[in-house]
Protein backbone atom coordinates (compact mmCIF):
# COMPACT_ATOMS: atom_id res chain seq x y z
CA UNK A 1 4.97 8.49 -17.13
CA UNK A 2 6.53 5.31 -18.48
CA UNK A 3 4.89 1.93 -18.09
CA UNK A 4 7.54 0.73 -15.63
CA UNK A 5 7.34 3.57 -13.14
CA UNK A 6 5.50 4.28 -9.94
CA UNK A 7 4.26 7.66 -8.79
CA UNK A 8 3.74 7.98 -5.04
CA UNK A 9 1.64 10.90 -3.83
CA UNK A 10 1.07 11.62 -0.16
CA UNK A 11 -1.84 13.66 1.16
CA UNK A 12 -1.79 14.55 4.83
CA UNK A 13 -4.20 16.38 7.09
CA UNK A 14 -4.83 16.54 10.85
CA UNK A 15 -6.53 13.12 10.94
CA UNK A 16 -5.09 11.02 8.13
CA UNK A 17 -2.31 10.30 5.70
CA UNK A 18 -3.13 8.97 2.26
CA UNK A 19 -0.80 7.26 -0.18
CA UNK A 20 -1.88 7.27 -3.82
CA UNK A 21 0.01 4.78 -5.96
CA UNK A 22 -0.01 5.17 -9.75
CA UNK A 23 1.72 2.71 -12.06
CA UNK A 24 3.68 -0.46 -11.32
CA UNK A 25 4.85 -1.46 -7.85
CA UNK A 26 7.82 -3.63 -8.79
CA UNK A 27 11.59 -3.69 -8.82
CA UNK A 28 13.26 -0.55 -7.44
CA UNK A 29 9.88 1.11 -6.83
CA UNK A 30 9.18 -1.30 -3.98
CA UNK A 31 12.22 0.00 -2.11
CA UNK A 32 11.16 3.58 -2.82
CA UNK A 33 7.65 2.98 -1.43
CA UNK A 34 9.17 1.32 1.63
CA UNK A 35 11.54 4.27 2.15
CA UNK A 36 8.75 6.85 1.85
CA UNK A 37 6.47 4.84 4.15
CA UNK A 38 9.20 4.57 6.81
CA UNK A 39 9.69 8.35 6.63
CA UNK A 40 5.97 8.95 7.15
CA UNK A 41 5.18 6.13 9.59
CA UNK A 42 6.21 7.96 12.81
CA UNK A 43 3.31 10.36 12.18
CA UNK A 44 0.85 7.48 11.81
CA UNK A 45 0.56 6.80 15.53
CA UNK A 46 -2.27 9.33 15.77
CA UNK A 47 -3.45 9.36 12.14
CA UNK A 48 -5.35 6.97 9.93
CA UNK A 49 -3.61 5.56 6.83
CA UNK A 50 -5.33 5.07 3.49
CA UNK A 51 -3.83 3.35 0.47
CA UNK A 52 -5.33 4.42 -2.85
CA UNK A 53 -4.79 1.57 -5.31
CA UNK A 54 -7.19 2.81 -8.00
CA UNK A 55 -4.40 3.61 -10.48
CA UNK A 56 -1.96 0.89 -9.47
CA UNK A 57 -1.62 -1.41 -12.49
CA UNK A 58 0.66 -4.14 -11.11
CA UNK A 59 2.40 -5.31 -7.96
CA UNK A 60 5.07 -7.97 -7.69
CA UNK A 61 5.48 -10.15 -4.59
CA UNK A 62 7.84 -7.70 -2.89
CA UNK A 63 5.36 -4.88 -3.50
CA UNK A 64 2.55 -6.94 -1.99
CA UNK A 65 4.77 -7.60 1.04
CA UNK A 66 5.25 -3.86 1.61
CA UNK A 67 1.54 -3.18 1.15
CA UNK A 68 0.76 -5.98 3.63
CA UNK A 69 3.16 -4.43 6.17
CA UNK A 70 1.61 -1.01 5.69
CA UNK A 71 -1.88 -2.48 6.05
CA UNK A 72 -1.16 -4.59 9.11
CA UNK A 73 1.02 -2.20 11.07
CA UNK A 74 -1.17 0.84 10.51
CA UNK A 75 -4.66 -0.66 10.11
CA UNK A 76 -4.80 0.96 6.68
CA UNK A 77 -7.90 1.43 4.59
CA UNK A 78 -7.77 0.56 0.89
CA UNK A 79 -9.33 2.75 -1.79
CA UNK A 80 -10.20 0.72 -4.90
CA UNK A 81 -12.45 1.06 -7.92
CA UNK A 82 -11.54 -1.72 -10.33
CA UNK A 83 -11.75 -5.49 -10.19
CA UNK A 84 -7.96 -5.70 -10.09
CA UNK A 85 -7.43 -3.14 -7.32
CA UNK A 86 -10.22 -4.74 -5.28
CA UNK A 87 -8.67 -8.17 -5.81
CA UNK A 88 -5.25 -6.87 -4.68
CA UNK A 89 -6.72 -5.29 -1.55
CA UNK A 90 -8.59 -8.49 -0.67
CA UNK A 91 -5.48 -10.59 -1.32
CA UNK A 92 -3.47 -8.42 1.09
CA UNK A 93 -6.22 -8.44 3.73
CA UNK A 94 -6.62 -12.22 3.46
CA UNK A 95 -2.89 -12.93 3.55
CA UNK A 96 -2.61 -10.72 6.62
CA UNK A 97 -5.38 -12.69 8.35
CA UNK A 98 -3.72 -15.98 7.42
CA UNK A 99 -0.40 -14.78 8.86
CA UNK A 100 -2.14 -13.64 12.04
CA UNK A 101 -3.64 -17.10 12.45
CA UNK A 102 -0.41 -18.93 11.59
CA UNK A 103 -1.68 -20.43 8.35
CA UNK A 104 0.76 -18.91 5.85
């Protein structure tokens, strides 16, 4: 896989849907993640969403916007294991809280 690509894997069972993101969430890959999420989102009314960011190496502002939408609309859970992925998850959670309180 090249350094400027994103691999999106979806795992689904009776209770949850998990997105695993590997690579860079930037440029055309943001639109692809948004397209895939919109295809899956109707099934999320009764399922829990998890976003695995452990192998995500970068996200531009548009990518963070999509992740924030996924998080806020579906009460997603983040899966992280590095300082960077944890920082990204916290940034999205905090920006979502700021938007909810009208401070962004």
